Amino acid sequence: MTEEELIEVLSNFTQYLDEQIVRPAVEEFRSAIEGLNPHKPKSFSEMFGEYFREAAVLILIFVPVDLLIPRGEGQGRSISARWLAATLLLSLAMLGFGMWLERRK
């Protein structure tokens, strides 16, 4: 294969890539970006819903950690089944309420 033929093959290949892959991908990307509206302010229910979801996760994580960590000279408090159930129910309720608040408009 001569150098000119190689250049022609590579040129055709780059043209194919540009027309069949790059341009359609760029158009899809542009339309996706145009579909997003980053300057749209969040509604009160969306912000409050996010607050409840994040609070639910924090409760689910930090209440058991707080009960497991020993304090001072005494031993750490044990986790009763009642505390565990109450923590789980509170967290799930807040999570569900937060998701519901965010979805309603």
PDB file of N, CA and C in Angstrom:
ATOM      1  N   MET A   1       0.843  -1.170   0.000  1.00  0.00           N
ATOM      2  CA  MET A   1       0.000   0.000   0.000  1.00  0.00           C
ATOM      3  C   MET A   1       0.888   1.233   0.000  1.00  0.00           C
ATOM      4  N   THR A   2       0.604   2.143  -0.907  1.00  0.00           N
ATOM      5  CA  THR A   2       1.419   3.351  -1.021  1.00  0.00           C
ATOM      6  C   THR A   2       0.997   4.355   0.047  1.00  0.00           C
ATOM      7  N   GLU A   3       1.828   5.363   0.152  1.00  0.00           N
ATOM      8  CA  GLU A   3       1.563   6.403   1.150  1.00  0.00           C
ATOM      9  C   GLU A   3       0.277   7.161   0.824  1.00  0.00           C
ATOM     10  N   GLU A   4       0.023   7.423  -0.445  1.00  0.00           N
ATOM     11  CA  GLU A   4      -1.188   8.134  -0.855  1.00  0.00           C
ATOM     12  C   GLU A   4      -2.439   7.309  -0.552  1.00  0.00           C
ATOM     13  N   GLU A   5      -2.368   6.001  -0.789  1.00  0.00           N
ATOM     14  CA  GLU A   5      -3.509   5.135  -0.490  1.00  0.00           C
ATOM     15  C   GLU A   5      -3.766   5.077   1.022  1.00  0.00           C
ATOM     16  N   LEU A   6      -2.704   5.041   1.785  1.00  0.00           N
ATOM     17  CA  LEU A   6      -2.832   5.024   3.238  1.00  0.00           C
ATOM     18  C   LEU A   6      -3.466   6.317   3.738  1.00  0.00           C
ATOM     19  N   ILE A   7      -3.051   7.433   3.173  1.00  0.00           N
ATOM     20  CA  ILE A   7      -3.628   8.729   3.551  1.00  0.00           C
ATOM     21  C   ILE A   7      -5.105   8.778   3.187  1.00  0.00           C
ATOM     22  N   GLU A   8      -5.467   8.255   2.025  1.00  0.00           N
ATOM     23  CA  GLU A   8      -6.864   8.244   1.599  1.00  0.00           C
ATOM     24  C   GLU A   8      -7.710   7.354   2.517  1.00  0.00           C
ATOM     25  N   VAL A   9      -7.197   6.197   2.899  1.00  0.00           N
ATOM     26  CA  VAL A   9      -7.925   5.288   3.795  1.00  0.00           C
ATOM     27  C   VAL A   9      -8.136   5.943   5.153  1.00  0.00           C
ATOM     28  N   LEU A  10      -7.073   6.542   5.677  1.00  0.00           N
ATOM     29  CA  LEU A  10      -7.193   7.210   6.969  1.00  0.00           C
ATOM     30  C   LEU A  10      -8.134   8.407   6.902  1.00  0.00           C
ATOM     31  N   SER A  11      -8.097   9.131   5.818  1.00  0.00           N
ATOM     32  CA  SER A  11      -8.988  10.264   5.630  1.00  0.00           C
ATOM     33  C   SER A  11     -10.445   9.811   5.584  1.00  0.00           C
ATOM     34  N   ASN A  12     -10.706   8.741   4.838  1.00  0.00           N
ATOM     35  CA  ASN A  12     -12.067   8.200   4.786  1.00  0.00           C
ATOM     36  C   ASN A  12     -12.533   7.698   6.158  1.00  0.00           C
ATOM     37  N   PHE A  13     -11.605   7.095   6.874  1.00  0.00           N
ATOM     38  CA  PHE A  13     -11.957   6.589   8.206  1.00  0.00           C
ATOM     39  C   PHE A  13     -12.284   7.733   9.160  1.00  0.00           C
ATOM     40  N   THR A  14     -11.491   8.788   9.135  1.00  0.00           N
ATOM     41  CA  THR A  14     -11.769   9.930  10.011  1.00  0.00           C
ATOM     42  C   THR A  14     -13.070  10.613   9.620  1.00  0.00           C
ATOM     43  N   GLN A  15     -13.355  10.687   8.353  1.00  0.00           N
ATOM     44  CA  GLN A  15     -14.618  11.268   7.901  1.00  0.00           C
ATOM     45  C   GLN A  15     -15.793  10.416   8.391  1.00  0.00           C
ATOM     46  N   TYR A  16     -15.653   9.102   8.279  1.00  0.00           N
ATOM     47  CA  TYR A  16     -16.696   8.195   8.766  1.00  0.00           C
ATOM     48  C   TYR A  16     -16.921   8.381  10.267  1.00  0.00           C
ATOM     49  N   LEU A  17     -15.837   8.420  11.042  1.00  0.00           N
ATOM     50  CA  LEU A  17     -15.952   8.617  12.478  1.00  0.00           C
ATOM     51  C   LEU A  17     -16.647   9.935  12.807  1.00  0.00           C
ATOM     52  N   ASP A  18     -16.276  10.983  12.081  1.00  0.00           N
ATOM     53  CA  ASP A  18     -16.869  12.293  12.324  1.00  0.00           C
ATOM     54  C   ASP A  18     -18.367  12.290  12.029  1.00  0.00           C
ATOM     55  N   GLU A  19     -18.756  11.718  10.892  1.00  0.00           N
ATOM     56  CA  GLU A  19     -20.162  11.745  10.491  1.00  0.00           C
ATOM     57  C   GLU A  19     -21.028  10.771  11.281  1.00  0.00           C
ATOM     58  N   GLN A  20     -20.520   9.599  11.583  1.00  0.00           N
ATOM     59  CA  GLN A  20     -21.337   8.545  12.178  1.00  0.00           C
ATOM     60  C   GLN A  20     -21.267   8.487  13.705  1.00  0.00           C
ATOM     61  N   ILE A  21     -20.202   8.989  14.295  1.00  0.00           N
ATOM     62  CA  ILE A  21     -20.049   8.851  15.742  1.00  0.00           C
ATOM     63  C   ILE A  21     -19.966  10.199  16.451  1.00  0.00           C
ATOM     64  N   VAL A  22     -19.037  11.043  16.022  1.00  0.00           N
ATOM     65  CA  VAL A  22     -18.776  12.272  16.761  1.00  0.00           C
ATOM     66  C   VAL A  22     -19.945  13.261  16.658  1.00  0.00           C
ATOM     67  N   ARG A  23     -20.397  13.571  15.475  1.00  0.00           N
ATOM     68  CA  ARG A  23     -21.472  14.555  15.317  1.00  0.00           C
ATOM     69  C   ARG A  23     -22.773  14.126  15.993  1.00  0.00           C
ATOM     70  N   PRO A  24     -23.228  12.879  15.816  1.00  0.00           N
ATOM     71  CA  PRO A  24     -24.444  12.489  16.537  1.00  0.00           C
ATOM     72  C   PRO A  24     -24.280  12.541  18.057  1.00  0.00           C
ATOM     73  N   ALA A  25     -23.106  12.169  18.545  1.00  0.00           N
ATOM     74  CA  ALA A  25     -22.873  12.222  19.986  1.00  0.00           C
ATOM     75  C   ALA A  25     -22.887  13.651  20.493  1.00  0.00           C
ATOM     76  N   VAL A  26     -22.293  14.564  19.738  1.00  0.00           N
ATOM     77  CA  VAL A  26     -22.282  15.969  20.129  1.00  0.00           C
ATOM     78  C   VAL A  26     -23.704  16.528  20.133  1.00  0.00           C
ATOM     79  N   GLU A  27     -24.499  16.176  19.159  1.00  0.00           N
ATOM     80  CA  GLU A  27     -25.885  16.644  19.109  1.00  0.00           C
ATOM     81  C   GLU A  27     -26.694  16.120  20.284  1.00  0.00           C
ATOM     82  N   GLU A  28     -26.507  14.840  20.623  1.00  0.00           N
ATOM     83  CA  GLU A  28     -27.206  14.280  21.775  1.00  0.00           C
ATOM     84  C   GLU A  28     -26.769  14.979  23.053  1.00  0.00           C
ATOM     85  N   PHE A  29     -25.490  15.238  23.170  1.00  0.00           N
ATOM     86  CA  PHE A  29     -24.968  15.924  24.347  1.00  0.00           C
ATOM     87  C   PHE A  29     -25.533  17.330  24.452  1.00  0.00           C
ATOM     88  N   ARG A  30     -25.561  18.061  23.340  1.00  0.00           N
ATOM     89  CA  ARG A  30     -26.112  19.421  23.340  1.00  0.00           C
ATOM     90  C   ARG A  30     -27.585  19.427  23.714  1.00  0.00           C
ATOM     91  N   SER A  31     -28.359  18.507  23.142  1.00  0.00           N
ATOM     92  CA  SER A  31     -29.787  18.475  23.460  1.00  0.00           C
ATOM     93  C   SER A  31     -30.016  18.096  24.922  1.00  0.00           C
ATOM     94  N   ALA A  32     -29.160  17.227  25.472  1.00  0.00           N
ATOM     95  CA  ALA A  32     -29.292  16.875  26.883  1.00  0.00           C
ATOM     96  C   ALA A  32     -28.977  18.066  27.775  1.00  0.00           C
ATOM     97  N   ILE A  33     -27.967  18.829  27.408  1.00  0.00           N
ATOM     98  CA  ILE A  33     -27.608  20.014  28.196  1.00  0.00           C
ATOM     99  C   ILE A  33     -28.697  21.072  28.098  1.00  0.00           C
ATOM    100  N   GLU A  34     -29.263  21.247  26.915  1.00  0.00           N
ATOM    101  CA  GLU A  34     -30.327  22.223  26.760  1.00  0.00           C
ATOM    102  C   GLU A  34     -31.564  21.816  27.552  1.00  0.00           C
ATOM    103  N   GLY A  35     -31.770  20.501  27.720  1.00  0.00           N
ATOM    104  CA  GLY A  35     -32.907  20.015  28.487  1.00  0.00           C
ATOM    105  C   GLY A  35     -32.772  20.301  29.973  1.00  0.00           C
ATOM    106  N   LEU A  36     -31.551  20.436  30.431  1.00  0.00           N
ATOM    107  CA  LEU A  36     -31.326  20.765  31.834  1.00  0.00           C
ATOM    108  C   LEU A  36     -31.468  22.266  32.029  1.00  0.00           C
ATOM    109  N   ASN A  37     -32.036  22.638  33.137  1.00  0.00           N
ATOM    110  CA  ASN A  37     -32.162  24.055  33.450  1.00  0.00           C
ATOM    111  C   ASN A  37     -31.505  24.287  34.801  1.00  0.00           C
ATOM    112  N   PRO A  38     -30.181  24.544  34.816  1.00  0.00           N
ATOM    113  CA  PRO A  38     -29.490  24.672  36.090  1.00  0.00           C
ATOM    114  C   PRO A  38     -29.861  25.914  36.874  1.00  0.00           C
ATOM    115  N   HIS A  39     -30.483  26.881  36.236  1.00  0.00           N
ATOM    116  CA  HIS A  39     -30.804  28.126  36.907  1.00  0.00           C
ATOM    117  C   HIS A  39     -32.213  28.125  37.500  1.00  0.00           C
ATOM    118  N   LYS A  40     -32.924  27.030  37.349  1.00  0.00           N
ATOM    119  CA  LYS A  40     -34.268  26.922  37.897  1.00  0.00           C
ATOM    120  C   LYS A  40     -34.164  26.763  39.410  1.00  0.00           C
ATOM    121  N   PRO A  41     -34.734  27.680  40.175  1.00  0.00           N
ATOM    122  CA  PRO A  41     -34.646  27.553  41.628  1.00  0.00           C
ATOM    123  C   PRO A  41     -35.495  26.383  42.131  1.00  0.00           C
ATOM    124  N   LYS A  42     -35.025  25.765  43.190  1.00  0.00           N
ATOM    125  CA  LYS A  42     -35.755  24.645  43.757  1.00  0.00           C
ATOM    126  C   LYS A  42     -36.952  25.174  44.552  1.00  0.00           C
ATOM    127  N   SER A  43     -38.010  24.404  44.532  1.00  0.00           N
ATOM    128  CA  SER A  43     -39.188  24.792  45.295  1.00  0.00           C
ATOM    129  C   SER A  43     -38.956  24.477  46.773  1.00  0.00           C
ATOM    130  N   PHE A  44     -39.827  25.023  47.601  1.00  0.00           N
ATOM    131  CA  PHE A  44     -39.727  24.795  49.039  1.00  0.00           C
ATOM    132  C   PHE A  44     -39.861  23.304  49.355  1.00  0.00           C
ATOM    133  N   SER A  45     -40.792  22.638  48.688  1.00  0.00           N
ATOM    134  CA  SER A  45     -40.994  21.222  48.979  1.00  0.00           C
ATOM    135  C   SER A  45     -39.781  20.390  48.560  1.00  0.00           C
ATOM    136  N   GLU A  46     -39.097  20.757  47.469  1.00  0.00           N
ATOM    137  CA  GLU A  46     -37.884  20.036  47.070  1.00  0.00           C
ATOM    138  C   GLU A  46     -36.777  20.202  48.102  1.00  0.00           C
ATOM    139  N   MET A  47     -36.584  21.436  48.573  1.00  0.00           N
ATOM    140  CA  MET A  47     -35.541  21.676  49.574  1.00  0.00           C
ATOM    141  C   MET A  47     -35.874  20.988  50.892  1.00  0.00           C
ATOM    142  N   PHE A  48     -37.132  21.056  51.315  1.00  0.00           N
ATOM    143  CA  PHE A  48     -37.542  20.421  52.555  1.00  0.00           C
ATOM    144  C   PHE A  48     -37.441  18.902  52.432  1.00  0.00           C
ATOM    145  N   GLY A  49     -37.774  18.375  51.255  1.00  0.00           N
ATOM    146  CA  GLY A  49     -37.645  16.945  51.016  1.00  0.00           C
ATOM    147  C   GLY A  49     -36.209  16.481  51.090  1.00  0.00           C
ATOM    148  N   GLU A  50     -35.286  17.255  50.523  1.00  0.00           N
ATOM    149  CA  GLU A  50     -33.864  16.926  50.614  1.00  0.00           C
ATOM    150  C   GLU A  50     -33.402  16.929  52.067  1.00  0.00           C
ATOM    151  N   TYR A  51     -33.893  17.913  52.826  1.00  0.00           N
ATOM    152  CA  TYR A  51     -33.537  17.999  54.243  1.00  0.00           C
ATOM    153  C   TYR A  51     -33.965  16.727  54.974  1.00  0.00           C
ATOM    154  N   PHE A  52     -35.193  16.285  54.760  1.00  0.00           N
ATOM    155  CA  PHE A  52     -35.688  15.099  55.443  1.00  0.00           C
ATOM    156  C   PHE A  52     -34.927  13.841  55.021  1.00  0.00           C
ATOM    157  N   ARG A  53     -34.611  13.726  53.738  1.00  0.00           N
ATOM    158  CA  ARG A  53     -33.857  12.559  53.282  1.00  0.00           C
ATOM    159  C   ARG A  53     -32.473  12.513  53.918  1.00  0.00           C
ATOM    160  N   GLU A  54     -31.796  13.649  53.951  1.00  0.00           N
ATOM    161  CA  GLU A  54     -30.456  13.687  54.528  1.00  0.00           C
ATOM    162  C   GLU A  54     -30.492  13.470  56.036  1.00  0.00           C
ATOM    163  N   ALA A  55     -31.490  14.031  56.707  1.00  0.00           N
ATOM    164  CA  ALA A  55     -31.626  13.830  58.150  1.00  0.00           C
ATOM    165  C   ALA A  55     -31.885  12.354  58.456  1.00  0.00           C
ATOM    166  N   ALA A  56     -32.671  11.694  57.611  1.00  0.00           N
ATOM    167  CA  ALA A  56     -32.958  10.278  57.817  1.00  0.00           C
ATOM    168  C   ALA A  56     -31.690   9.444  57.750  1.00  0.00           C
ATOM    169  N   VAL A  57     -30.838   9.743  56.806  1.00  0.00           N
ATOM    170  CA  VAL A  57     -29.578   9.000  56.679  1.00  0.00           C
ATOM    171  C   VAL A  57     -28.673   9.272  57.872  1.00  0.00           C
ATOM    172  N   LEU A  58     -28.619  10.532  58.305  1.00  0.00           N
ATOM    173  CA  LEU A  58     -27.782  10.857  59.465  1.00  0.00           C
ATOM    174  C   LEU A  58     -28.270  10.151  60.728  1.00  0.00           C
ATOM    175  N   ILE A  59     -29.576  10.098  60.914  1.00  0.00           N
ATOM    176  CA  ILE A  59     -30.131   9.392  62.072  1.00  0.00           C
ATOM    177  C   ILE A  59     -29.774   7.916  61.994  1.00  0.00           C
ATOM    178  N   LEU A  60     -29.946   7.340  60.837  1.00  0.00           N
ATOM    179  CA  LEU A  60     -29.677   5.916  60.661  1.00  0.00           C
ATOM    180  C   LEU A  60     -28.207   5.578  60.925  1.00  0.00           C
ATOM    181  N   ILE A  61     -27.329   6.501  60.633  1.00  0.00           N
ATOM    182  CA  ILE A  61     -25.898   6.247  60.828  1.00  0.00           C
ATOM    183  C   ILE A  61     -25.442   6.592  62.243  1.00  0.00           C
ATOM    184  N   PHE A  62     -25.794   7.780  62.734  1.00  0.00           N
ATOM    185  CA  PHE A  62     -25.171   8.272  63.957  1.00  0.00           C
ATOM    186  C   PHE A  62     -25.823   7.806  65.247  1.00  0.00           C
ATOM    187  N   VAL A  63     -27.091   7.458  65.264  1.00  0.00           N
ATOM    188  CA  VAL A  63     -27.697   6.972  66.505  1.00  0.00           C
ATOM    189  C   VAL A  63     -27.060   5.651  66.941  1.00  0.00           C
ATOM    190  N   PRO A  64     -26.941   4.653  66.057  1.00  0.00           N
ATOM    191  CA  PRO A  64     -26.261   3.422  66.504  1.00  0.00           C
ATOM    192  C   PRO A  64     -24.789   3.647  66.859  1.00  0.00           C
ATOM    193  N   VAL A  65     -24.111   4.522  66.136  1.00  0.00           N
ATOM    194  CA  VAL A  65     -22.702   4.805  66.445  1.00  0.00           C
ATOM    195  C   VAL A  65     -22.600   5.443  67.823  1.00  0.00           C
ATOM    196  N   ASP A  66     -23.504   6.370  68.120  1.00  0.00           N
ATOM    197  CA  ASP A  66     -23.504   7.031  69.416  1.00  0.00           C
ATOM    198  C   ASP A  66     -23.756   6.033  70.546  1.00  0.00           C
ATOM    199  N   LEU A  67     -24.609   5.068  70.304  1.00  0.00           N
ATOM    200  CA  LEU A  67     -24.898   4.083  71.348  1.00  0.00           C
ATOM    201  C   LEU A  67     -23.762   3.078  71.527  1.00  0.00           C
ATOM    202  N   LEU A  68     -22.958   2.867  70.509  1.00  0.00           N
ATOM    203  CA  LEU A  68     -21.882   1.888  70.593  1.00  0.00           C
ATOM    204  C   LEU A  68     -20.590   2.435  71.196  1.00  0.00           C
ATOM    205  N   ILE A  69     -20.380   3.729  71.112  1.00  0.00           N
ATOM    206  CA  ILE A  69     -19.124   4.322  71.582  1.00  0.00           C
ATOM    207  C   ILE A  69     -19.131   4.417  73.110  1.00  0.00           C
ATOM    208  N   PRO A  70     -18.112   3.863  73.766  1.00  0.00           N
ATOM    209  CA  PRO A  70     -18.035   3.980  75.232  1.00  0.00           C
ATOM    210  C   PRO A  70     -17.810   5.429  75.644  1.00  0.00           C
ATOM    211  N   ARG A  71     -18.376   5.780  76.788  1.00  0.00           N
ATOM    212  CA  ARG A  71     -18.236   7.157  77.279  1.00  0.00           C
ATOM    213  C   ARG A  71     -17.472   7.139  78.599  1.00  0.00           C
ATOM    214  N   GLY A  72     -16.368   7.842  78.626  1.00  0.00           N
ATOM    215  CA  GLY A  72     -15.601   8.001  79.855  1.00  0.00           C
ATOM    216  C   GLY A  72     -15.170   6.682  80.459  1.00  0.00           C
ATOM    217  N   GLU A  73     -15.339   6.578  81.804  1.00  0.00           N
ATOM    218  CA  GLU A  73     -14.885   5.394  82.524  1.00  0.00           C
ATOM    219  C   GLU A  73     -15.862   4.233  82.397  1.00  0.00           C
ATOM    220  N   GLY A  74     -17.135   4.534  82.222  1.00  0.00           N
ATOM    221  CA  GLY A  74     -18.136   3.476  82.134  1.00  0.00           C
ATOM    222  C   GLY A  74     -18.114   2.812  80.769  1.00  0.00           C
ATOM    223  N   GLN A  75     -18.886   1.794  80.642  1.00  0.00           N
ATOM    224  CA  GLN A  75     -18.965   1.109  79.364  1.00  0.00           C
ATOM    225  C   GLN A  75     -19.998   1.794  78.485  1.00  0.00           C
ATOM    226  N   GLY A  76     -19.938   1.510  77.204  1.00  0.00           N
ATOM    227  CA  GLY A  76     -20.915   2.063  76.268  1.00  0.00           C
ATOM    228  C   GLY A  76     -22.294   1.476  76.528  1.00  0.00           C
ATOM    229  N   ARG A  77     -23.288   2.236  76.184  1.00  0.00           N
ATOM    230  CA  ARG A  77     -24.655   1.755  76.371  1.00  0.00           C
ATOM    231  C   ARG A  77     -24.957   0.673  75.338  1.00  0.00           C
ATOM    232  N   SER A  78     -25.742  -0.294  75.727  1.00  0.00           N
ATOM    233  CA  SER A  78     -26.100  -1.343  74.779  1.00  0.00           C
ATOM    234  C   SER A  78     -27.310  -0.896  73.971  1.00  0.00           C
ATOM    235  N   ILE A  79     -27.407  -1.435  72.787  1.00  0.00           N
ATOM    236  CA  ILE A  79     -28.520  -1.086  71.907  1.00  0.00           C
ATOM    237  C   ILE A  79     -29.651  -2.067  72.156  1.00  0.00           C
ATOM    238  N   SER A  80     -30.773  -1.537  72.620  1.00  0.00           N
ATOM    239  CA  SER A  80     -31.923  -2.413  72.826  1.00  0.00           C
ATOM    240  C   SER A  80     -32.667  -2.559  71.506  1.00  0.00           C
ATOM    241  N   ALA A  81     -33.447  -3.597  71.434  1.00  0.00           N
ATOM    242  CA  ALA A  81     -34.232  -3.831  70.218  1.00  0.00           C
ATOM    243  C   ALA A  81     -35.231  -2.693  70.007  1.00  0.00           C
ATOM    244  N   ARG A  82     -35.726  -2.127  71.096  1.00  0.00           N
ATOM    245  CA  ARG A  82     -36.686  -1.022  70.995  1.00  0.00           C
ATOM    246  C   ARG A  82     -36.039   0.228  70.376  1.00  0.00           C
ATOM    247  N   TRP A  83     -34.819   0.543  70.829  1.00  0.00           N
ATOM    248  CA  TRP A  83     -34.112   1.694  70.274  1.00  0.00           C
ATOM    249  C   TRP A  83     -33.791   1.483  68.801  1.00  0.00           C
ATOM    250  N   LEU A  84     -33.364   0.294  68.487  1.00  0.00           N
ATOM    251  CA  LEU A  84     -33.027  -0.024  67.110  1.00  0.00           C
ATOM    252  C   LEU A  84     -34.256   0.079  66.210  1.00  0.00           C
ATOM    253  N   ALA A  85     -35.374  -0.462  66.666  1.00  0.00           N
ATOM    254  CA  ALA A  85     -36.617  -0.376  65.895  1.00  0.00           C
ATOM    255  C   ALA A  85     -37.090   1.063  65.762  1.00  0.00           C
ATOM    256  N   ALA A  86     -37.010   1.823  66.857  1.00  0.00           N
ATOM    257  CA  ALA A  86     -37.443   3.227  66.813  1.00  0.00           C
ATOM    258  C   ALA A  86     -36.573   4.036  65.855  1.00  0.00           C
ATOM    259  N   THR A  87     -35.272   3.812  65.891  1.00  0.00           N
ATOM    260  CA  THR A  87     -34.356   4.513  64.993  1.00  0.00           C
ATOM    261  C   THR A  87     -34.646   4.163  63.541  1.00  0.00           C
ATOM    262  N   LEU A  88     -34.818   2.886  63.284  1.00  0.00           N
ATOM    263  CA  LEU A  88     -35.099   2.443  61.929  1.00  0.00           C
ATOM    264  C   LEU A  88     -36.429   2.995  61.426  1.00  0.00           C
ATOM    265  N   LEU A  89     -37.461   2.943  62.242  1.00  0.00           N
ATOM    266  CA  LEU A  89     -38.774   3.460  61.835  1.00  0.00           C
ATOM    267  C   LEU A  89     -38.740   4.968  61.602  1.00  0.00           C
ATOM    268  N   LEU A  90     -38.087   5.704  62.504  1.00  0.00           N
ATOM    269  CA  LEU A  90     -37.986   7.153  62.341  1.00  0.00           C
ATOM    270  C   LEU A  90     -37.232   7.499  61.068  1.00  0.00           C
ATOM    271  N   SER A  91     -36.146   6.812  60.842  1.00  0.00           N
ATOM    272  CA  SER A  91     -35.338   7.080  59.652  1.00  0.00           C
ATOM    273  C   SER A  91     -36.116   6.760  58.379  1.00  0.00           C
ATOM    274  N   LEU A  92     -36.768   5.616  58.334  1.00  0.00           N
ATOM    275  CA  LEU A  92     -37.539   5.250  57.147  1.00  0.00           C
ATOM    276  C   LEU A  92     -38.721   6.184  56.932  1.00  0.00           C
ATOM    277  N   ALA A  93     -39.365   6.606  58.002  1.00  0.00           N
ATOM    278  CA  ALA A  93     -40.477   7.544  57.875  1.00  0.00           C
ATOM    279  C   ALA A  93     -39.994   8.886  57.321  1.00  0.00           C
ATOM    280  N   MET A  94     -38.872   9.378  57.838  1.00  0.00           N
ATOM    281  CA  MET A  94     -38.338  10.649  57.341  1.00  0.00           C
ATOM    282  C   MET A  94     -37.889  10.517  55.890  1.00  0.00           C
ATOM    283  N   LEU A  95     -37.289   9.390  55.552  1.00  0.00           N
ATOM    284  CA  LEU A  95     -36.850   9.153  54.184  1.00  0.00           C
ATOM    285  C   LEU A  95     -38.045   9.129  53.235  1.00  0.00           C
ATOM    286  N   GLY A  96     -39.079   8.399  53.604  1.00  0.00           N
ATOM    287  CA  GLY A  96     -40.284   8.338  52.775  1.00  0.00           C
ATOM    288  C   GLY A  96     -40.962   9.678  52.642  1.00  0.00           C
ATOM    289  N   PHE A  97     -41.063  10.414  53.752  1.00  0.00           N
ATOM    290  CA  PHE A  97     -41.686  11.737  53.713  1.00  0.00           C
ATOM    291  C   PHE A  97     -40.876  12.692  52.842  1.00  0.00           C
ATOM    292  N   GLY A  98     -39.559  12.628  52.967  1.00  0.00           N
ATOM    293  CA  GLY A  98     -38.710  13.487  52.138  1.00  0.00           C
ATOM    294  C   GLY A  98     -38.845  13.168  50.667  1.00  0.00           C
ATOM    295  N   MET A  99     -38.889  11.896  50.318  1.00  0.00           N
ATOM    296  CA  MET A  99     -39.068  11.506  48.916  1.00  0.00           C
ATOM    297  C   MET A  99     -40.431  11.952  48.400  1.00  0.00           C
ATOM    298  N   TRP A 100     -41.452  11.823  49.223  1.00  0.00           N
ATOM    299  CA  TRP A 100     -42.787  12.245  48.828  1.00  0.00           C
ATOM    300  C   TRP A 100     -42.827  13.761  48.598  1.00  0.00           C
ATOM    301  N   LEU A 101     -42.186  14.521  49.489  1.00  0.00           N
ATOM    302  CA  LEU A 101     -42.164  15.975  49.341  1.00  0.00           C
ATOM    303  C   LEU A 101     -41.463  16.399  48.058  1.00  0.00           C
ATOM    304  N   GLU A 102     -40.368  15.734  47.729  1.00  0.00           N
ATOM    305  CA  GLU A 102     -39.614  16.100  46.540  1.00  0.00           C
ATOM    306  C   GLU A 102     -40.379  15.785  45.256  1.00  0.00           C
ATOM    307  N   ARG A 103     -41.118  14.716  45.255  1.00  0.00           N
ATOM    308  CA  ARG A 103     -41.809  14.294  44.034  1.00  0.00           C
ATOM    309  C   ARG A 103     -43.092  15.072  43.764  1.00  0.00           C
ATOM    310  N   ARG A 104     -43.734  15.567  44.799  1.00  0.00           N
ATOM    311  CA  ARG A 104     -44.986  16.298  44.556  1.00  0.00           C
ATOM    312  C   ARG A 104     -44.646  17.716  44.092  1.00  0.00           C
ATOM    313  N   LYS A 105     -45.410  18.171  43.158  1.00  0.00           N
ATOM    314  CA  LYS A 105     -45.153  19.522  42.636  1.00  0.00           C
ATOM    315  C   LYS A 105     -46.451  20.210  42.374  1.00  0.00           C
TER     316      LYS A 105
END
